[in-house]
């Protein structure tokens, strides 16, 4: 018999099954990253991580989702030829 554990709160996003807790954590990290970019302007992954205490890997995932939704862009870092900075789009700032 298949395990019928209570997974009624699970959500499938982009082929990935998330628990309600994981979904809330994802949404919160996206909002915190967006708020940080709104407050301090263009920033690197590390700067966002330092400002928020969110792990760099989570920041990268949040920025990727924001870019996919056209809420953020990535540009070359003028102070580091190999680096990038991320900023909110004008659409996101409305």
Protein backbone atom coordinates (compact mmCIF):
# COMPACT_ATOMS: atom_id res chain seq x y z
CA UNK A 1 0.00 0.00 0.00
CA UNK A 2 1.27 3.48 -0.84
CA UNK A 3 2.08 5.85 2.02
CA UNK A 4 -0.78 8.33 2.16
CA UNK A 5 0.92 10.85 4.46
CA UNK A 6 -0.73 14.22 4.72
CA UNK A 7 0.70 16.16 1.78
CA UNK A 8 -2.36 18.31 1.16
CA UNK A 9 -0.28 21.47 1.59
CA UNK A 10 2.26 20.48 -1.07
CA UNK A 11 2.47 22.75 -4.10
CA UNK A 12 4.04 21.99 -7.46
CA UNK A 13 5.93 24.87 -9.07
CA UNK A 14 7.96 24.46 -12.25
CA UNK A 15 7.91 20.67 -11.79
CA UNK A 16 9.20 20.90 -8.22
CA UNK A 17 7.01 19.80 -5.32
CA UNK A 18 7.27 22.14 -2.33
CA UNK A 19 5.70 21.88 1.08
CA UNK A 20 3.76 24.90 2.29
CA UNK A 21 6.72 25.75 4.53
CA UNK A 22 9.20 25.60 1.61
CA UNK A 23 6.90 27.74 -0.54
CA UNK A 24 6.54 30.35 2.21
CA UNK A 25 10.32 30.39 2.68
CA UNK A 26 10.84 30.86 -1.07
CA UNK A 27 8.31 33.68 -1.26
CA UNK A 28 9.80 35.38 1.80
CA UNK A 29 13.36 35.20 0.47
CA UNK A 30 12.23 36.67 -2.88
CA UNK A 31 10.49 39.55 -1.09
CA UNK A 32 13.45 40.22 1.22
CA UNK A 33 15.89 40.24 -1.72
CA UNK A 34 13.61 42.58 -3.69
CA UNK A 35 13.21 44.90 -0.69
CA UNK A 36 16.98 44.96 -0.19
CA UNK A 37 17.57 45.88 -3.83
CA UNK A 38 14.91 48.58 -3.57
CA UNK A 39 16.56 50.03 -0.48
CA UNK A 40 20.22 49.88 -1.46
CA UNK A 41 20.17 49.76 -5.25
CA UNK A 42 22.33 47.50 -7.40
CA UNK A 43 24.18 44.87 -5.39
CA UNK A 44 26.17 41.67 -5.75
CA UNK A 45 24.94 38.34 -4.44
CA UNK A 46 27.39 38.64 -1.55
CA UNK A 47 26.26 42.18 -0.68
CA UNK A 48 22.63 41.03 -0.62
CA UNK A 49 23.56 38.03 1.50
CA UNK A 50 25.55 40.19 3.94
CA UNK A 51 22.71 42.71 4.23
CA UNK A 52 19.99 40.12 4.81
CA UNK A 53 21.67 37.14 6.42
CA UNK A 54 20.19 34.93 3.69
CA UNK A 55 22.63 32.29 2.36
CA UNK A 56 24.22 33.21 -0.97
CA UNK A 57 22.71 30.14 -2.71
CA UNK A 58 19.21 31.25 -1.64
CA UNK A 59 19.95 34.82 -2.81
CA UNK A 60 21.03 33.50 -6.22
CA UNK A 61 17.83 31.49 -6.54
CA UNK A 62 15.70 34.48 -5.49
CA UNK A 63 17.44 36.81 -7.98
CA UNK A 64 16.97 34.20 -10.73
CA UNK A 65 13.23 34.02 -10.01
CA UNK A 66 12.97 37.82 -9.90
CA UNK A 67 14.75 37.99 -13.30
CA UNK A 68 12.43 35.33 -14.74
CA UNK A 69 9.48 37.49 -13.67
CA UNK A 70 11.13 40.61 -15.20
CA UNK A 71 11.42 42.18 -11.75
CA UNK A 72 15.23 42.30 -11.68
CA UNK A 73 18.12 42.55 -14.11
CA UNK A 74 21.77 41.63 -13.95
CA UNK A 75 24.52 43.92 -15.21
CA UNK A 76 28.29 44.00 -15.22
CA UNK A 77 29.90 45.33 -12.06
CA UNK A 78 31.83 48.49 -13.03
CA UNK A 79 34.25 47.95 -10.14
CA UNK A 80 34.95 44.27 -10.91
CA UNK A 81 35.31 43.16 -14.55
CA UNK A 82 34.41 39.56 -13.63
CA UNK A 83 31.52 40.47 -11.31
CA UNK A 84 27.85 41.24 -11.73
CA UNK A 85 25.36 43.42 -9.89
CA UNK A 86 21.63 42.94 -9.67
CA UNK A 87 18.95 45.61 -9.55
CA UNK A 88 15.21 45.89 -9.69
CA UNK A 89 13.62 46.79 -12.99
CA UNK A 90 11.50 49.93 -13.31
CA UNK A 91 8.49 47.60 -13.45
CA UNK A 92 9.35 46.19 -9.99
CA UNK A 93 9.88 49.64 -8.48
CA UNK A 94 6.27 50.72 -9.19
